[in-house]
Amino acid sequence: MKINLYLFSCLFLLASFFMVAHAGEVESNQPASEPVVSESVVSEQAEAEMTGAEKAAFKKSLFEGRCQMCHQLPEPSMLRPKQWRLILTTMQQRMQQAGVPPLTEDETETILEYIAEQSL
């Protein structure tokens, strides 16, 4: 338990440091006055019509696209789902500080589902 807490603390500090160090380096093709809109938003109806393989590809694409905007991809199996939820909450705050649109609730849940599936 102490090792998990230590690992979580180290990851949290590392992620915090990285986000603060690179807060002003987010690139965008749109002017700063216009918010960047995530192209990964899929309607509930469209998501319901996806096959299993399409859903898996969508989850992976969302995870890679949104997470790599600011940092290298983490290994999903390095933390438990509850720990990932805390990390994503912290990342939301860092994204807002960096001027990056935060994840929507649906995006957050989709990324958490993907991470949970990959950690099995």
N, C-alpha and C. Protein backbone atom coordinates (compact mmCIF):
# COMPACT_ATOMS: atom_id res chain seq x y z
N MET A 1 0.82 -1.19 0.00
CA MET A 1 0.00 0.00 0.00
C MET A 1 0.87 1.25 0.00
N LYS A 2 1.96 1.23 0.79
CA LYS A 2 2.85 2.39 0.85
C LYS A 2 3.52 2.62 -0.50
N ILE A 3 3.85 1.53 -1.20
CA ILE A 3 4.50 1.66 -2.50
C ILE A 3 3.52 2.29 -3.49
N ASN A 4 2.26 1.85 -3.49
CA ASN A 4 1.26 2.42 -4.38
C ASN A 4 1.06 3.90 -4.10
N LEU A 5 1.00 4.28 -2.84
CA LEU A 5 0.84 5.68 -2.47
C LEU A 5 2.06 6.47 -2.90
N TYR A 6 3.25 5.89 -2.70
CA TYR A 6 4.49 6.55 -3.12
C TYR A 6 4.51 6.73 -4.64
N LEU A 7 4.14 5.69 -5.38
CA LEU A 7 4.10 5.76 -6.84
C LEU A 7 3.10 6.82 -7.29
N PHE A 8 1.94 6.82 -6.70
CA PHE A 8 0.91 7.79 -7.05
C PHE A 8 1.41 9.20 -6.77
N SER A 9 2.05 9.42 -5.63
CA SER A 9 2.57 10.74 -5.28
C SER A 9 3.62 11.20 -6.27
N CYS A 10 4.51 10.28 -6.64
CA CYS A 10 5.55 10.62 -7.61
C CYS A 10 4.96 10.98 -8.97
N LEU A 11 3.99 10.19 -9.42
CA LEU A 11 3.35 10.47 -10.70
C LEU A 11 2.61 11.80 -10.67
N PHE A 12 1.93 12.06 -9.57
CA PHE A 12 1.20 13.31 -9.43
C PHE A 12 2.15 14.50 -9.49
N LEU A 13 3.26 14.41 -8.77
CA LEU A 13 4.23 15.51 -8.77
C LEU A 13 4.86 15.68 -10.15
N LEU A 14 5.18 14.57 -10.79
CA LEU A 14 5.77 14.64 -12.12
C LEU A 14 4.80 15.27 -13.12
N ALA A 15 3.55 14.83 -13.08
CA ALA A 15 2.54 15.39 -13.98
C ALA A 15 2.32 16.87 -13.70
N SER A 16 2.28 17.24 -12.43
CA SER A 16 2.10 18.65 -12.06
C SER A 16 3.26 19.49 -12.56
N PHE A 17 4.48 19.00 -12.36
CA PHE A 17 5.65 19.73 -12.81
C PHE A 17 5.63 19.92 -14.32
N PHE A 18 5.32 18.85 -15.04
CA PHE A 18 5.31 18.92 -16.49
C PHE A 18 4.28 19.91 -17.00
N MET A 19 3.08 19.87 -16.43
CA MET A 19 2.02 20.76 -16.87
C MET A 19 2.36 22.22 -16.58
N VAL A 20 2.95 22.50 -15.45
CA VAL A 20 3.32 23.87 -15.10
C VAL A 20 4.46 24.33 -16.01
N ALA A 21 5.44 23.45 -16.23
CA ALA A 21 6.60 23.81 -17.04
C ALA A 21 6.23 24.10 -18.49
N HIS A 22 5.20 23.42 -18.99
CA HIS A 22 4.82 23.55 -20.39
C HIS A 22 3.47 24.22 -20.58
N ALA A 23 3.01 24.95 -19.60
CA ALA A 23 1.67 25.55 -19.64
C ALA A 23 1.47 26.46 -20.84
N GLY A 24 2.45 27.20 -21.24
CA GLY A 24 2.28 28.15 -22.34
C GLY A 24 2.64 27.61 -23.70
N GLU A 25 2.95 26.31 -23.80
CA GLU A 25 3.43 25.75 -25.05
C GLU A 25 2.39 25.00 -25.86
N VAL A 26 1.13 25.16 -25.55
CA VAL A 26 0.08 24.46 -26.28
C VAL A 26 -0.09 25.15 -27.63
N GLU A 27 0.02 24.36 -28.70
CA GLU A 27 -0.11 24.91 -30.04
C GLU A 27 -1.53 24.70 -30.54
N SER A 28 -1.97 25.64 -31.35
CA SER A 28 -3.29 25.52 -31.94
C SER A 28 -3.28 26.25 -33.27
N ASN A 29 -4.03 25.74 -34.23
CA ASN A 29 -4.16 26.40 -35.52
C ASN A 29 -5.19 27.51 -35.48
N GLN A 30 -5.96 27.58 -34.41
CA GLN A 30 -7.00 28.58 -34.28
C GLN A 30 -6.48 29.76 -33.48
N PRO A 31 -7.03 30.96 -33.73
CA PRO A 31 -6.63 32.11 -32.92
C PRO A 31 -6.92 31.86 -31.45
N ALA A 32 -6.14 32.51 -30.58
CA ALA A 32 -6.26 32.30 -29.14
C ALA A 32 -7.64 32.66 -28.62
N SER A 33 -8.34 33.58 -29.28
CA SER A 33 -9.65 34.00 -28.79
C SER A 33 -10.73 32.96 -29.01
N GLU A 34 -10.50 32.04 -29.95
CA GLU A 34 -11.49 31.01 -30.23
C GLU A 34 -11.14 29.74 -29.47
N PRO A 35 -12.08 29.14 -28.76
CA PRO A 35 -11.78 27.90 -28.06
C PRO A 35 -11.58 26.75 -29.05
N VAL A 36 -10.68 25.86 -28.70
CA VAL A 36 -10.45 24.67 -29.51
C VAL A 36 -11.53 23.67 -29.17
N VAL A 37 -12.23 23.21 -30.18
CA VAL A 37 -13.32 22.25 -29.96
C VAL A 37 -12.82 20.87 -30.29
N SER A 38 -13.04 19.95 -29.38
CA SER A 38 -12.61 18.58 -29.58
C SER A 38 -13.40 17.95 -30.72
N GLU A 39 -12.68 17.36 -31.65
CA GLU A 39 -13.33 16.69 -32.76
C GLU A 39 -13.74 15.27 -32.40
N SER A 40 -13.44 14.86 -31.18
CA SER A 40 -13.70 13.49 -30.77
C SER A 40 -15.09 13.29 -30.20
N VAL A 41 -15.87 14.34 -30.14
CA VAL A 41 -17.21 14.23 -29.56
C VAL A 41 -18.09 13.45 -30.54
N VAL A 42 -18.70 12.41 -30.04
CA VAL A 42 -19.57 11.57 -30.85
C VAL A 42 -20.93 11.55 -30.19
N SER A 43 -21.97 11.71 -30.99
CA SER A 43 -23.32 11.70 -30.43
C SER A 43 -23.63 10.34 -29.83
N GLU A 44 -24.54 10.33 -28.87
CA GLU A 44 -24.92 9.07 -28.23
C GLU A 44 -25.48 8.09 -29.25
N GLN A 45 -26.25 8.60 -30.20
CA GLN A 45 -26.84 7.74 -31.22
C GLN A 45 -25.75 7.11 -32.08
N ALA A 46 -24.78 7.93 -32.50
CA ALA A 46 -23.69 7.41 -33.33
C ALA A 46 -22.87 6.38 -32.55
N GLU A 47 -22.64 6.66 -31.26
CA GLU A 47 -21.87 5.72 -30.44
C GLU A 47 -22.63 4.41 -30.26
N ALA A 48 -23.94 4.49 -30.14
CA ALA A 48 -24.75 3.28 -29.97
C ALA A 48 -24.71 2.40 -31.22
N GLU A 49 -24.50 3.03 -32.37
CA GLU A 49 -24.49 2.28 -33.63
C GLU A 49 -23.11 1.70 -33.95
N MET A 50 -22.09 2.03 -33.17
CA MET A 50 -20.74 1.52 -33.42
C MET A 50 -20.63 0.05 -33.07
N THR A 51 -19.79 -0.66 -33.82
CA THR A 51 -19.50 -2.05 -33.48
C THR A 51 -18.48 -2.06 -32.34
N GLY A 52 -18.22 -3.21 -31.78
CA GLY A 52 -17.25 -3.34 -30.70
C GLY A 52 -15.87 -2.84 -31.12
N ALA A 53 -15.45 -3.22 -32.33
CA ALA A 53 -14.14 -2.80 -32.83
C ALA A 53 -14.09 -1.29 -33.04
N GLU A 54 -15.18 -0.72 -33.53
CA GLU A 54 -15.23 0.73 -33.75
C GLU A 54 -15.18 1.49 -32.42
N LYS A 55 -15.89 0.96 -31.43
CA LYS A 55 -15.85 1.60 -30.10
C LYS A 55 -14.45 1.54 -29.51
N ALA A 56 -13.79 0.40 -29.64
CA ALA A 56 -12.44 0.25 -29.11
C ALA A 56 -11.48 1.22 -29.82
N ALA A 57 -11.63 1.35 -31.13
CA ALA A 57 -10.77 2.27 -31.89
C ALA A 57 -11.05 3.72 -31.50
N PHE A 58 -12.33 4.04 -31.28
CA PHE A 58 -12.68 5.40 -30.87
C PHE A 58 -12.09 5.72 -29.50
N LYS A 59 -12.22 4.79 -28.55
CA LYS A 59 -11.67 5.01 -27.20
C LYS A 59 -10.17 5.21 -27.25
N LYS A 60 -9.48 4.37 -28.04
CA LYS A 60 -8.03 4.48 -28.16
C LYS A 60 -7.65 5.82 -28.78
N SER A 61 -8.35 6.21 -29.81
CA SER A 61 -8.08 7.48 -30.49
C SER A 61 -8.29 8.67 -29.56
N LEU A 62 -9.36 8.63 -28.77
CA LEU A 62 -9.64 9.71 -27.82
C LEU A 62 -8.54 9.77 -26.76
N PHE A 63 -8.17 8.63 -26.20
CA PHE A 63 -7.12 8.55 -25.20
C PHE A 63 -5.81 9.12 -25.76
N GLU A 64 -5.42 8.65 -26.92
CA GLU A 64 -4.16 9.10 -27.52
C GLU A 64 -4.21 10.58 -27.89
N GLY A 65 -5.29 10.99 -28.53
CA GLY A 65 -5.39 12.37 -29.00
C GLY A 65 -5.44 13.40 -27.89
N ARG A 66 -6.24 13.16 -26.88
CA ARG A 66 -6.39 14.15 -25.81
C ARG A 66 -5.20 14.13 -24.85
N CYS A 67 -4.67 12.95 -24.56
CA CYS A 67 -3.57 12.88 -23.59
C CYS A 67 -2.25 13.37 -24.20
N GLN A 68 -2.04 13.06 -25.46
CA GLN A 68 -0.79 13.46 -26.10
C GLN A 68 -0.75 14.94 -26.44
N MET A 69 -1.84 15.66 -26.23
CA MET A 69 -1.82 17.10 -26.45
C MET A 69 -0.82 17.76 -25.51
N CYS A 70 -0.62 17.16 -24.33
CA CYS A 70 0.22 17.79 -23.30
C CYS A 70 1.41 16.95 -22.86
N HIS A 71 1.35 15.63 -23.00
CA HIS A 71 2.42 14.78 -22.47
C HIS A 71 2.43 13.44 -23.18
N GLN A 72 3.48 12.65 -22.88
CA GLN A 72 3.57 11.31 -23.43
C GLN A 72 2.46 10.44 -22.84
N LEU A 73 2.08 9.42 -23.58
CA LEU A 73 1.03 8.53 -23.09
C LEU A 73 1.50 7.72 -21.89
N PRO A 74 0.68 7.67 -20.85
CA PRO A 74 1.02 6.84 -19.70
C PRO A 74 0.65 5.38 -19.97
N GLU A 75 1.21 4.50 -19.21
CA GLU A 75 0.88 3.08 -19.29
C GLU A 75 -0.37 2.86 -18.43
N PRO A 76 -1.51 2.48 -19.02
CA PRO A 76 -2.75 2.33 -18.26
C PRO A 76 -2.65 1.40 -17.06
N SER A 77 -1.81 0.39 -17.12
CA SER A 77 -1.75 -0.59 -16.04
C SER A 77 -0.95 -0.11 -14.83
N MET A 78 -0.35 1.07 -14.90
CA MET A 78 0.48 1.50 -13.78
C MET A 78 -0.33 2.02 -12.58
N LEU A 79 -1.60 2.29 -12.77
CA LEU A 79 -2.46 2.73 -11.67
C LEU A 79 -3.80 2.00 -11.73
N ARG A 80 -4.52 2.06 -10.65
CA ARG A 80 -5.86 1.48 -10.59
C ARG A 80 -6.87 2.50 -11.12
N PRO A 81 -8.06 2.04 -11.54
CA PRO A 81 -9.07 2.97 -12.07
C PRO A 81 -9.40 4.15 -11.14
N LYS A 82 -9.50 3.91 -9.84
CA LYS A 82 -9.80 5.01 -8.91
C LYS A 82 -8.66 6.03 -8.90
N GLN A 83 -7.44 5.55 -9.02
CA GLN A 83 -6.29 6.46 -9.06
C GLN A 83 -6.30 7.26 -10.35
N TRP A 84 -6.66 6.61 -11.46
CA TRP A 84 -6.74 7.32 -12.74
C TRP A 84 -7.79 8.42 -12.68
N ARG A 85 -8.89 8.15 -12.01
CA ARG A 85 -9.94 9.17 -11.90
C ARG A 85 -9.38 10.42 -11.21
N LEU A 86 -8.58 10.23 -10.16
CA LEU A 86 -7.96 11.37 -9.48
C LEU A 86 -6.97 12.09 -10.39
N ILE A 87 -6.19 11.32 -11.14
CA ILE A 87 -5.23 11.92 -12.06
C ILE A 87 -5.97 12.74 -13.11
N LEU A 88 -7.04 12.20 -13.67
CA LEU A 88 -7.79 12.94 -14.69
C LEU A 88 -8.42 14.21 -14.12
N THR A 89 -8.85 14.17 -12.88
CA THR A 89 -9.38 15.37 -12.23
C THR A 89 -8.30 16.43 -12.14
N THR A 90 -7.10 16.03 -11.76
CA THR A 90 -5.97 16.95 -11.68
C THR A 90 -5.59 17.47 -13.07
N MET A 91 -5.61 16.58 -14.06
CA MET A 91 -5.27 17.00 -15.42
C MET A 91 -6.28 18.02 -15.95
N GLN A 92 -7.54 17.88 -15.55
CA GLN A 92 -8.56 18.85 -15.96
C GLN A 92 -8.16 20.25 -15.50
N GLN A 93 -7.72 20.35 -14.27
CA GLN A 93 -7.30 21.65 -13.73
C GLN A 93 -6.09 22.17 -14.49
N ARG A 94 -5.14 21.29 -14.78
CA ARG A 94 -3.93 21.70 -15.50
C ARG A 94 -4.28 22.14 -16.92
N MET A 95 -5.22 21.45 -17.54
CA MET A 95 -5.63 21.82 -18.89
C MET A 95 -6.23 23.22 -18.91
N GLN A 96 -7.06 23.51 -17.93
CA GLN A 96 -7.66 24.85 -17.85
C GLN A 96 -6.58 25.90 -17.64
N GLN A 97 -5.60 25.62 -16.81
CA GLN A 97 -4.51 26.56 -16.56
C GLN A 97 -3.68 26.80 -17.82
N ALA A 98 -3.56 25.77 -18.65
CA ALA A 98 -2.77 25.86 -19.87
C ALA A 98 -3.57 26.41 -21.04
N GLY A 99 -4.86 26.66 -20.83
CA GLY A 99 -5.70 27.18 -21.91
C GLY A 99 -6.18 26.11 -22.87
N VAL A 100 -6.09 24.85 -22.46
CA VAL A 100 -6.55 23.73 -23.29
C VAL A 100 -7.97 23.40 -22.83
N PRO A 101 -8.89 23.19 -23.77
CA PRO A 101 -10.25 22.83 -23.36
C PRO A 101 -10.24 21.55 -22.53
N PRO A 102 -10.86 21.58 -21.36
CA PRO A 102 -10.90 20.36 -20.53
C PRO A 102 -11.76 19.28 -21.18
N LEU A 103 -11.58 18.07 -20.69
CA LEU A 103 -12.38 16.95 -21.18
C LEU A 103 -13.83 17.15 -20.80
N THR A 104 -14.72 16.74 -21.68
CA THR A 104 -16.13 16.72 -21.31
C THR A 104 -16.34 15.52 -20.39
N GLU A 105 -17.51 15.46 -19.76
CA GLU A 105 -17.81 14.31 -18.89
C GLU A 105 -17.77 13.01 -19.69
N ASP A 106 -18.33 13.05 -20.91
CA ASP A 106 -18.33 11.85 -21.75
C ASP A 106 -16.92 11.43 -22.13
N GLU A 107 -16.07 12.41 -22.47
CA GLU A 107 -14.68 12.09 -22.82
C GLU A 107 -13.96 11.49 -21.62
N THR A 108 -14.18 12.07 -20.44
CA THR A 108 -13.54 11.56 -19.23
C THR A 108 -13.94 10.11 -18.99
N GLU A 109 -15.23 9.82 -19.07
CA GLU A 109 -15.71 8.46 -18.83
C GLU A 109 -15.18 7.49 -19.90
N THR A 110 -15.13 7.95 -21.14
CA THR A 110 -14.62 7.10 -22.23
C THR A 110 -13.15 6.78 -22.01
N ILE A 111 -12.37 7.78 -21.63
CA ILE A 111 -10.94 7.56 -21.38
C ILE A 111 -10.76 6.62 -20.18
N LEU A 112 -11.54 6.81 -19.13
CA LEU A 112 -11.45 5.91 -17.98
C LEU A 112 -11.83 4.49 -18.35
N GLU A 113 -12.84 4.32 -19.21
CA GLU A 113 -13.21 2.98 -19.67
C GLU A 113 -12.06 2.35 -20.45
N TYR A 114 -11.45 3.13 -21.32
CA TYR A 114 -10.32 2.62 -22.12
C TYR A 114 -9.18 2.20 -21.21
N ILE A 115 -8.83 3.04 -20.25
CA ILE A 115 -7.73 2.72 -19.33
C ILE A 115 -8.04 1.45 -18.55
N ALA A 116 -9.27 1.33 -18.07
CA ALA A 116 -9.67 0.14 -17.31
C ALA A 116 -9.56 -1.13 -18.19
N GLU A 117 -10.00 -1.02 -19.44
CA GLU A 117 -9.94 -2.16 -20.34
C GLU A 117 -8.49 -2.56 -20.64
N GLN A 118 -7.61 -1.57 -20.74
CA GLN A 118 -6.21 -1.84 -21.05
C GLN A 118 -5.43 -2.38 -19.86
N SER A 119 -5.93 -2.13 -18.65
CA SER A 119 -5.21 -2.58 -17.46
C SER A 119 -5.55 -4.01 -17.07
N LEU A 120 -6.49 -4.63 -17.75
CA LEU A 120 -6.88 -6.00 -17.39
C LEU A 120 -5.82 -7.00 -17.76
